[in-house]
Amino acid sequence: MVGAYKVTVGFRNEPAFEDVVNAVDVILRNAADDSPVDTDKEDKIDLDVYVLYLKEDKFDAQVIRKAKLKGELRKAFGTDNRYNTWFKPTHDGAYGFRVKGTINGQQINEKFVCGGGTKDFRDGRPRSFRCVVDPQTFPGNRNSNNNIDNAGYRDNDRFNRNY
């Protein structure tokens, strides 16, 4: 909960796969009555989202890379409170999002981390989004050339500054 709002953040499509287009998924509800924050009605949002690539899935993990996602959050088709900005995670591993700006004039500056980095606990259980994983490749056999399959896909290519 962030002030007067319930803010849920994660990947639009889960599980999230490396090298597959996905989006940050921001779901907004009013805390008082659980009604949607709907920009087609009277609600106003002005939020920037930063994607974080982290050393591990811990809330206070070292940020290896970060970038502001280009474009504004757009309402997802057929929804009244779900907003997305699309991008492609290029490496498997731990990701997080920082959401900054305003919801109906209320300031927000919150961080959300995948997997074990969640700070969102409801009913005593963690509520988290998954970290980015490698997809299963088919067809193609693995060869011993740096874990690259016949189609040129590299498995387990966590970010390395030497790339």
N, C-alpha and C. Protein backbone atom coordinates (compact mmCIF):
# COMPACT_ATOMS: atom_id res chain seq x y z
N MET A 1 0.84 -1.17 0.00
CA MET A 1 0.00 0.00 0.00
C MET A 1 0.89 1.24 0.00
N VAL A 2 0.53 2.19 -0.81
CA VAL A 2 1.28 3.44 -0.90
C VAL A 2 0.27 4.56 -0.64
N GLY A 3 0.26 5.07 0.59
CA GLY A 3 -0.70 6.11 0.94
C GLY A 3 -2.12 5.63 0.74
N ALA A 4 -2.86 6.34 -0.09
CA ALA A 4 -4.27 6.03 -0.34
C ALA A 4 -4.47 4.99 -1.44
N TYR A 5 -3.38 4.36 -1.90
CA TYR A 5 -3.47 3.46 -3.06
C TYR A 5 -2.82 2.11 -2.82
N LYS A 6 -3.40 1.11 -3.43
CA LYS A 6 -2.78 -0.22 -3.51
C LYS A 6 -2.06 -0.25 -4.85
N VAL A 7 -0.77 -0.48 -4.82
CA VAL A 7 0.05 -0.48 -6.04
C VAL A 7 0.69 -1.86 -6.16
N THR A 8 0.39 -2.54 -7.26
CA THR A 8 0.97 -3.85 -7.54
C THR A 8 1.80 -3.71 -8.81
N VAL A 9 3.04 -4.18 -8.77
CA VAL A 9 3.95 -4.02 -9.91
C VAL A 9 4.65 -5.35 -10.18
N GLY A 10 4.81 -5.67 -11.45
CA GLY A 10 5.52 -6.87 -11.86
C GLY A 10 5.66 -6.90 -13.37
N PHE A 11 5.86 -8.09 -13.92
CA PHE A 11 5.89 -8.26 -15.37
C PHE A 11 4.48 -8.53 -15.87
N ARG A 12 4.15 -8.03 -17.03
CA ARG A 12 2.83 -8.26 -17.63
C ARG A 12 2.61 -9.74 -17.91
N ASN A 13 3.61 -10.38 -18.50
CA ASN A 13 3.52 -11.81 -18.83
C ASN A 13 4.47 -12.58 -17.92
N GLU A 14 3.94 -13.55 -17.21
CA GLU A 14 4.76 -14.38 -16.35
C GLU A 14 4.54 -15.84 -16.68
N PRO A 15 5.59 -16.63 -16.70
CA PRO A 15 6.95 -16.22 -16.37
C PRO A 15 7.52 -15.29 -17.43
N ALA A 16 8.43 -14.44 -17.02
CA ALA A 16 9.11 -13.53 -17.94
C ALA A 16 10.34 -14.24 -18.49
N PHE A 17 10.49 -14.20 -19.82
CA PHE A 17 11.60 -14.88 -20.46
C PHE A 17 12.59 -13.89 -21.04
N GLU A 18 13.85 -14.25 -20.98
CA GLU A 18 14.93 -13.48 -21.61
C GLU A 18 14.67 -13.40 -23.11
N ASP A 19 14.93 -12.23 -23.69
CA ASP A 19 14.82 -11.97 -25.13
C ASP A 19 13.40 -12.09 -25.67
N VAL A 20 12.40 -11.98 -24.80
CA VAL A 20 11.01 -12.01 -25.22
C VAL A 20 10.37 -10.70 -24.74
N VAL A 21 9.70 -10.00 -25.66
CA VAL A 21 9.07 -8.72 -25.31
C VAL A 21 8.08 -8.94 -24.17
N ASN A 22 8.13 -8.05 -23.20
CA ASN A 22 7.27 -8.09 -22.03
C ASN A 22 6.98 -6.64 -21.65
N ALA A 23 6.35 -6.43 -20.53
CA ALA A 23 6.05 -5.07 -20.08
C ALA A 23 6.09 -5.02 -18.57
N VAL A 24 6.33 -3.82 -18.05
CA VAL A 24 6.08 -3.61 -16.64
C VAL A 24 4.56 -3.52 -16.52
N ASP A 25 4.03 -4.10 -15.48
CA ASP A 25 2.59 -4.15 -15.24
C ASP A 25 2.33 -3.42 -13.93
N VAL A 26 1.63 -2.29 -14.00
CA VAL A 26 1.32 -1.49 -12.82
C VAL A 26 -0.19 -1.53 -12.64
N ILE A 27 -0.63 -2.08 -11.53
CA ILE A 27 -2.06 -2.20 -11.23
C ILE A 27 -2.35 -1.29 -10.05
N LEU A 28 -3.33 -0.39 -10.23
CA LEU A 28 -3.62 0.64 -9.23
C LEU A 28 -5.06 0.54 -8.73
N ARG A 29 -5.22 0.54 -7.40
CA ARG A 29 -6.54 0.52 -6.78
C ARG A 29 -6.57 1.52 -5.62
N ASN A 30 -7.75 2.07 -5.36
CA ASN A 30 -7.95 2.92 -4.20
C ASN A 30 -8.01 2.03 -2.96
N ALA A 31 -7.21 2.36 -1.94
CA ALA A 31 -7.15 1.53 -0.74
C ALA A 31 -8.45 1.58 0.05
N ALA A 32 -9.13 2.71 0.05
CA ALA A 32 -10.32 2.87 0.88
C ALA A 32 -11.46 1.93 0.48
N ASP A 33 -11.70 1.79 -0.83
CA ASP A 33 -12.85 0.99 -1.27
C ASP A 33 -12.50 -0.05 -2.33
N ASP A 34 -11.22 -0.23 -2.62
CA ASP A 34 -10.72 -1.21 -3.59
C ASP A 34 -11.19 -0.92 -5.02
N SER A 35 -11.64 0.30 -5.27
CA SER A 35 -12.07 0.66 -6.63
C SER A 35 -10.85 0.92 -7.51
N PRO A 36 -10.99 0.76 -8.83
CA PRO A 36 -9.85 0.96 -9.73
C PRO A 36 -9.46 2.42 -9.87
N VAL A 37 -8.17 2.66 -10.06
CA VAL A 37 -7.67 3.98 -10.46
C VAL A 37 -7.76 3.99 -11.98
N ASP A 38 -8.73 4.72 -12.51
CA ASP A 38 -9.09 4.65 -13.93
C ASP A 38 -8.91 6.01 -14.60
N THR A 39 -7.93 6.11 -15.49
CA THR A 39 -7.66 7.37 -16.17
C THR A 39 -8.72 7.72 -17.22
N ASP A 40 -9.59 6.79 -17.55
CA ASP A 40 -10.70 7.11 -18.46
C ASP A 40 -11.81 7.83 -17.70
N LYS A 41 -11.72 7.84 -16.39
CA LYS A 41 -12.68 8.56 -15.56
C LYS A 41 -11.97 9.78 -15.01
N GLU A 42 -12.07 10.06 -13.73
CA GLU A 42 -11.49 11.29 -13.18
C GLU A 42 -10.06 11.14 -12.68
N ASP A 43 -9.53 9.94 -12.64
CA ASP A 43 -8.21 9.73 -12.06
C ASP A 43 -7.09 10.20 -12.98
N LYS A 44 -6.02 10.70 -12.34
CA LYS A 44 -4.85 11.20 -13.07
C LYS A 44 -3.61 10.50 -12.54
N ILE A 45 -2.82 9.93 -13.46
CA ILE A 45 -1.53 9.37 -13.06
C ILE A 45 -0.44 10.00 -13.91
N ASP A 46 0.67 10.25 -13.27
CA ASP A 46 1.87 10.76 -13.95
C ASP A 46 3.05 10.01 -13.34
N LEU A 47 3.33 8.83 -13.90
CA LEU A 47 4.33 7.95 -13.32
C LEU A 47 5.43 7.63 -14.33
N ASP A 48 6.66 7.64 -13.86
CA ASP A 48 7.80 7.15 -14.62
C ASP A 48 8.21 5.82 -14.02
N VAL A 49 8.65 4.91 -14.89
CA VAL A 49 9.09 3.60 -14.42
C VAL A 49 10.54 3.39 -14.85
N TYR A 50 11.35 2.99 -13.90
CA TYR A 50 12.75 2.65 -14.16
C TYR A 50 12.88 1.15 -13.99
N VAL A 51 13.50 0.50 -14.97
CA VAL A 51 13.76 -0.93 -14.85
C VAL A 51 15.15 -1.09 -14.27
N LEU A 52 15.29 -2.02 -13.33
CA LEU A 52 16.55 -2.26 -12.63
C LEU A 52 17.00 -3.69 -12.92
N TYR A 53 18.26 -3.85 -13.27
CA TYR A 53 18.84 -5.19 -13.38
C TYR A 53 19.73 -5.35 -12.17
N LEU A 54 19.44 -6.36 -11.35
CA LEU A 54 20.05 -6.49 -10.04
C LEU A 54 21.02 -7.67 -9.95
N LYS A 55 21.95 -7.57 -9.03
CA LYS A 55 22.92 -8.65 -8.83
C LYS A 55 22.24 -9.92 -8.31
N GLU A 56 21.17 -9.76 -7.51
CA GLU A 56 20.43 -10.90 -6.97
C GLU A 56 19.03 -10.45 -6.60
N ASP A 57 18.16 -11.42 -6.30
CA ASP A 57 16.77 -11.07 -6.00
C ASP A 57 16.58 -10.77 -4.50
N LYS A 58 17.22 -9.69 -4.09
CA LYS A 58 17.07 -9.16 -2.74
C LYS A 58 16.70 -7.69 -2.87
N PHE A 59 15.88 -7.20 -1.94
CA PHE A 59 15.40 -5.83 -2.04
C PHE A 59 16.53 -4.82 -2.10
N ASP A 60 17.58 -5.03 -1.32
CA ASP A 60 18.68 -4.08 -1.27
C ASP A 60 19.87 -4.50 -2.12
N ALA A 61 19.64 -5.36 -3.11
CA ALA A 61 20.72 -5.86 -3.97
C ALA A 61 21.35 -4.73 -4.78
N GLN A 62 22.61 -4.92 -5.13
CA GLN A 62 23.33 -3.97 -5.98
C GLN A 62 22.64 -3.86 -7.34
N VAL A 63 22.45 -2.63 -7.80
CA VAL A 63 21.88 -2.39 -9.13
C VAL A 63 23.02 -2.41 -10.13
N ILE A 64 22.97 -3.34 -11.07
CA ILE A 64 24.01 -3.45 -12.10
C ILE A 64 23.73 -2.46 -13.22
N ARG A 65 22.49 -2.37 -13.64
CA ARG A 65 22.08 -1.42 -14.68
C ARG A 65 20.68 -0.92 -14.36
N LYS A 66 20.40 0.31 -14.76
CA LYS A 66 19.04 0.84 -14.65
C LYS A 66 18.78 1.76 -15.82
N ALA A 67 17.52 1.86 -16.18
CA ALA A 67 17.13 2.75 -17.27
C ALA A 67 15.66 3.14 -17.10
N LYS A 68 15.37 4.38 -17.44
CA LYS A 68 13.98 4.82 -17.45
C LYS A 68 13.33 4.23 -18.70
N LEU A 69 12.18 3.59 -18.51
CA LEU A 69 11.48 3.04 -19.67
C LEU A 69 10.93 4.19 -20.50
N LYS A 70 11.09 4.07 -21.81
CA LYS A 70 10.64 5.12 -22.72
C LYS A 70 9.13 5.04 -22.90
N GLY A 71 8.54 6.19 -23.09
CA GLY A 71 7.09 6.24 -23.29
C GLY A 71 6.36 6.25 -21.96
N GLU A 72 5.10 6.57 -22.04
CA GLU A 72 4.29 6.65 -20.83
C GLU A 72 3.61 5.31 -20.56
N LEU A 73 3.21 5.13 -19.31
CA LEU A 73 2.39 3.97 -18.99
C LEU A 73 1.08 4.12 -19.74
N ARG A 74 0.68 3.07 -20.43
CA ARG A 74 -0.59 3.10 -21.16
C ARG A 74 -1.53 2.07 -20.58
N LYS A 75 -2.79 2.44 -20.54
CA LYS A 75 -3.79 1.54 -20.01
C LYS A 75 -3.86 0.29 -20.88
N ALA A 76 -3.85 -0.88 -20.23
CA ALA A 76 -3.95 -2.15 -20.94
C ALA A 76 -5.36 -2.31 -21.49
N PHE A 77 -5.46 -2.84 -22.68
CA PHE A 77 -6.75 -3.02 -23.36
C PHE A 77 -7.70 -3.85 -22.49
N GLY A 78 -8.92 -3.37 -22.38
CA GLY A 78 -9.96 -4.11 -21.67
C GLY A 78 -9.85 -4.07 -20.16
N THR A 79 -9.03 -3.17 -19.62
CA THR A 79 -8.89 -3.08 -18.17
C THR A 79 -9.23 -1.67 -17.71
N ASP A 80 -9.49 -1.53 -16.43
CA ASP A 80 -9.78 -0.19 -15.91
C ASP A 80 -8.70 0.33 -14.97
N ASN A 81 -7.70 -0.50 -14.65
CA ASN A 81 -6.69 -0.03 -13.69
C ASN A 81 -5.33 -0.68 -13.90
N ARG A 82 -5.07 -1.17 -15.09
CA ARG A 82 -3.81 -1.85 -15.38
C ARG A 82 -3.07 -1.06 -16.45
N TYR A 83 -1.81 -0.69 -16.14
CA TYR A 83 -1.03 0.18 -17.02
C TYR A 83 0.31 -0.49 -17.35
N ASN A 84 0.73 -0.37 -18.62
CA ASN A 84 1.93 -1.05 -19.09
C ASN A 84 2.84 -0.13 -19.89
N THR A 85 4.13 -0.42 -19.83
CA THR A 85 5.13 0.09 -20.77
C THR A 85 5.95 -1.13 -21.19
N TRP A 86 6.07 -1.32 -22.51
CA TRP A 86 6.68 -2.53 -23.06
C TRP A 86 8.18 -2.37 -23.25
N PHE A 87 8.91 -3.47 -23.03
CA PHE A 87 10.35 -3.52 -23.25
C PHE A 87 10.75 -5.00 -23.37
N LYS A 88 12.02 -5.25 -23.68
CA LYS A 88 12.50 -6.63 -23.82
C LYS A 88 13.66 -6.87 -22.86
N PRO A 89 13.46 -7.71 -21.82
CA PRO A 89 14.58 -8.06 -20.95
C PRO A 89 15.58 -8.92 -21.71
N THR A 90 16.83 -8.49 -21.77
CA THR A 90 17.82 -9.16 -22.62
C THR A 90 18.70 -10.16 -21.87
N HIS A 91 18.55 -10.24 -20.57
CA HIS A 91 19.35 -11.19 -19.78
C HIS A 91 18.46 -11.81 -18.71
N ASP A 92 18.73 -13.07 -18.40
CA ASP A 92 17.99 -13.68 -17.30
C ASP A 92 18.56 -13.15 -15.99
N GLY A 93 17.78 -13.28 -14.94
CA GLY A 93 18.25 -12.84 -13.63
C GLY A 93 17.22 -12.01 -12.89
N ALA A 94 17.71 -11.28 -11.91
CA ALA A 94 16.86 -10.50 -11.01
C ALA A 94 16.58 -9.11 -11.58
N TYR A 95 15.32 -8.75 -11.60
CA TYR A 95 14.88 -7.44 -12.08
C TYR A 95 14.06 -6.76 -11.00
N GLY A 96 14.03 -5.46 -11.08
CA GLY A 96 13.18 -4.67 -10.21
C GLY A 96 12.66 -3.48 -11.00
N PHE A 97 11.71 -2.79 -10.41
CA PHE A 97 11.15 -1.58 -11.01
C PHE A 97 11.06 -0.51 -9.94
N ARG A 98 11.40 0.72 -10.30
CA ARG A 98 11.17 1.87 -9.43
C ARG A 98 10.09 2.70 -10.12
N VAL A 99 9.02 2.98 -9.38
CA VAL A 99 7.89 3.75 -9.90
C VAL A 99 7.89 5.08 -9.16
N LYS A 100 8.00 6.17 -9.94
CA LYS A 100 8.08 7.52 -9.37
C LYS A 100 7.08 8.43 -10.06
N GLY A 101 6.48 9.31 -9.29
CA GLY A 101 5.57 10.29 -9.87
C GLY A 101 4.39 10.53 -8.95
N THR A 102 3.20 10.72 -9.56
CA THR A 102 2.01 11.00 -8.77
C THR A 102 0.81 10.17 -9.25
N ILE A 103 -0.04 9.86 -8.28
CA ILE A 103 -1.35 9.27 -8.53
C ILE A 103 -2.35 10.24 -7.91
N ASN A 104 -3.14 10.90 -8.74
CA ASN A 104 -4.10 11.91 -8.26
C ASN A 104 -3.43 12.91 -7.32
N GLY A 105 -2.22 13.33 -7.67
CA GLY A 105 -1.49 14.33 -6.91
C GLY A 105 -0.67 13.79 -5.75
N GLN A 106 -0.87 12.54 -5.35
CA GLN A 106 -0.09 11.96 -4.25
C GLN A 106 1.23 11.45 -4.79
N GLN A 107 2.32 11.86 -4.14
CA GLN A 107 3.66 11.44 -4.55
C GLN A 107 3.86 9.95 -4.31
N ILE A 108 4.57 9.31 -5.23
CA ILE A 108 4.95 7.91 -5.08
C ILE A 108 6.40 7.76 -5.54
N ASN A 109 7.17 7.00 -4.79
CA ASN A 109 8.54 6.66 -5.15
C ASN A 109 8.82 5.31 -4.49
N GLU A 110 8.45 4.23 -5.19
CA GLU A 110 8.51 2.90 -4.61
C GLU A 110 9.32 1.96 -5.49
N LYS A 111 9.96 1.00 -4.85
CA LYS A 111 10.76 -0.01 -5.55
C LYS A 111 10.12 -1.38 -5.36
N PHE A 112 10.11 -2.16 -6.43
CA PHE A 112 9.55 -3.50 -6.43
C PHE A 112 10.60 -4.44 -7.02
N VAL A 113 10.85 -5.57 -6.37
CA VAL A 113 11.90 -6.50 -6.79
C VAL A 113 11.30 -7.90 -6.94
N CYS A 114 11.76 -8.61 -7.96
CA CYS A 114 11.26 -9.96 -8.24
C CYS A 114 11.69 -10.96 -7.17
N GLY A 115 11.02 -12.11 -7.18
CA GLY A 115 11.42 -13.25 -6.35
C GLY A 115 11.55 -12.93 -4.88
N GLY A 116 12.69 -13.28 -4.31
CA GLY A 116 12.95 -13.10 -2.88
C GLY A 116 13.10 -11.66 -2.46
N GLY A 117 13.10 -10.72 -3.40
CA GLY A 117 13.27 -9.32 -3.06
C GLY A 117 12.00 -8.60 -2.71
N THR A 118 10.87 -9.31 -2.69
CA THR A 118 9.60 -8.65 -2.43
C THR A 118 9.51 -8.12 -1.01
N LYS A 119 8.82 -7.02 -0.86
CA LYS A 119 8.49 -6.47 0.46
C LYS A 119 6.98 -6.54 0.67
N ASP A 120 6.27 -7.20 -0.27
CA ASP A 120 4.82 -7.28 -0.24
C ASP A 120 4.39 -8.61 0.38
N PHE A 121 3.89 -8.54 1.60
CA PHE A 121 3.41 -9.74 2.28
C PHE A 121 1.95 -9.54 2.65
N ARG A 122 1.10 -10.48 2.22
CA ARG A 122 -0.30 -10.47 2.59
C ARG A 122 -0.66 -11.84 3.13
N ASP A 123 -1.44 -11.89 4.18
CA ASP A 123 -1.82 -13.17 4.80
C ASP A 123 -0.59 -13.97 5.19
N GLY A 124 0.51 -13.28 5.54
CA GLY A 124 1.72 -13.96 5.96
C GLY A 124 2.53 -14.60 4.85
N ARG A 125 2.10 -14.41 3.60
CA ARG A 125 2.81 -15.02 2.46
C ARG A 125 3.34 -13.92 1.54
N PRO A 126 4.52 -14.16 0.96
CA PRO A 126 5.05 -13.16 0.03
C PRO A 126 4.24 -13.14 -1.26
N ARG A 127 4.04 -11.95 -1.79
CA ARG A 127 3.36 -11.76 -3.08
C ARG A 127 4.38 -11.11 -4.01
N SER A 128 4.99 -11.91 -4.85
CA SER A 128 6.05 -11.36 -5.69
C SER A 128 5.86 -11.76 -7.14
N PHE A 129 6.53 -11.04 -8.01
CA PHE A 129 6.58 -11.44 -9.41
C PHE A 129 7.86 -12.21 -9.63
N ARG A 130 7.87 -13.03 -10.66
CA ARG A 130 9.03 -13.89 -10.92
C ARG A 130 10.17 -13.13 -11.57
N CYS A 131 11.37 -13.64 -11.36
CA CYS A 131 12.55 -13.10 -12.04
C CYS A 131 12.58 -13.63 -13.48
N VAL A 132 13.41 -13.05 -14.32
CA VAL A 132 13.50 -13.44 -15.73
C VAL A 132 14.29 -14.73 -15.86
N VAL A 133 13.76 -15.66 -16.66
CA VAL A 133 14.40 -16.96 -16.86
C VAL A 133 14.66 -17.20 -18.34
N ASP A 134 15.50 -18.20 -18.62
CA ASP A 134 15.76 -18.61 -19.99
C ASP A 134 14.58 -19.43 -20.50
N PRO A 135 14.15 -19.20 -21.75
CA PRO A 135 13.11 -20.06 -22.31
C PRO A 135 13.71 -21.39 -22.75
N GLN A 136 12.86 -22.39 -22.87
CA GLN A 136 13.30 -23.66 -23.43
C GLN A 136 13.45 -23.48 -24.93
N THR A 137 14.55 -23.93 -25.48
CA THR A 137 14.74 -23.80 -26.93
C THR A 137 14.38 -25.10 -27.61
N PHE A 138 13.76 -24.96 -28.77
CA PHE A 138 13.40 -26.12 -29.59
C PHE A 138 13.21 -25.63 -31.01
N PRO A 139 13.59 -26.31 -32.05
CA PRO A 139 14.50 -27.44 -31.98
C PRO A 139 15.91 -26.92 -31.85
N GLY A 140 16.79 -27.76 -31.54
CA GLY A 140 18.19 -27.38 -31.43
C GLY A 140 18.87 -28.15 -30.32
N ASN A 141 20.05 -28.57 -30.59
CA ASN A 141 20.85 -29.28 -29.60
C ASN A 141 21.90 -28.34 -29.04
N ARG A 142 22.20 -28.50 -27.79
CA ARG A 142 23.27 -27.73 -27.18
C ARG A 142 24.60 -28.26 -27.70
N ASN A 143 25.49 -27.37 -27.96
CA ASN A 143 26.85 -27.82 -28.26
C ASN A 143 27.75 -27.30 -27.16
N SER A 144 28.98 -27.62 -27.21
CA SER A 144 29.88 -27.23 -26.12
C SER A 144 30.51 -25.86 -26.34
N ASN A 145 30.02 -25.11 -27.30
CA ASN A 145 30.57 -23.80 -27.62
C ASN A 145 29.92 -22.73 -26.75
N ASN A 146 30.38 -22.59 -25.52
CA ASN A 146 29.89 -21.55 -24.60
C ASN A 146 28.39 -21.64 -24.36
N ASN A 147 27.84 -22.85 -24.34
CA ASN A 147 26.43 -23.06 -24.04
C ASN A 147 25.51 -22.40 -25.07
N ILE A 148 25.91 -22.37 -26.33
CA ILE A 148 25.11 -21.79 -27.40
C ILE A 148 24.50 -22.93 -28.20
N ASP A 149 23.18 -22.84 -28.47
CA ASP A 149 22.55 -23.90 -29.24
C ASP A 149 22.76 -23.68 -30.73
N ASN A 150 22.27 -24.60 -31.54
CA ASN A 150 22.48 -24.54 -32.99
C ASN A 150 21.85 -23.29 -33.62
N ALA A 151 20.85 -22.72 -32.97
CA ALA A 151 20.21 -21.52 -33.51
C ALA A 151 20.90 -20.24 -33.04
N GLY A 152 21.95 -20.36 -32.24
CA GLY A 152 22.68 -19.19 -31.78
C GLY A 152 22.20 -18.62 -30.46
N TYR A 153 21.27 -19.30 -29.80
CA TYR A 153 20.76 -18.82 -28.52
C TYR A 153 21.70 -19.22 -27.39
N ARG A 154 22.07 -18.27 -26.58
CA ARG A 154 22.97 -18.52 -25.45
C ARG A 154 22.13 -18.68 -24.18
N ASP A 155 22.31 -19.82 -23.52
CA ASP A 155 21.60 -20.09 -22.29
C ASP A 155 22.40 -19.53 -21.11
N ASN A 156 21.68 -19.09 -20.09
CA ASN A 156 22.30 -18.59 -18.86
C ASN A 156 23.32 -17.49 -19.12
N ASP A 157 22.92 -16.48 -19.86
CA ASP A 157 23.84 -15.38 -20.15
C ASP A 157 23.58 -14.19 -19.24
N ARG A 158 23.66 -14.43 -17.96
CA ARG A 158 23.50 -13.32 -17.03
C ARG A 158 24.46 -12.21 -17.39
N PHE A 159 24.04 -11.01 -17.13
CA PHE A 159 24.80 -9.84 -17.54
C PHE A 159 26.22 -9.90 -17.01
N ASN A 160 27.14 -9.59 -17.88
CA ASN A 160 28.56 -9.56 -17.53
C ASN A 160 29.14 -8.31 -18.17
N ARG A 161 29.76 -7.50 -17.41
CA ARG A 161 30.30 -6.24 -17.94
C ARG A 161 31.33 -6.46 -19.03
N ASN A 162 31.82 -7.68 -19.18
CA ASN A 162 32.81 -7.97 -20.22
C ASN A 162 32.19 -8.29 -21.57
N TYR A 163 30.85 -8.31 -21.66
CA TYR A 163 30.21 -8.60 -22.94
C TYR A 163 30.50 -7.50 -23.92
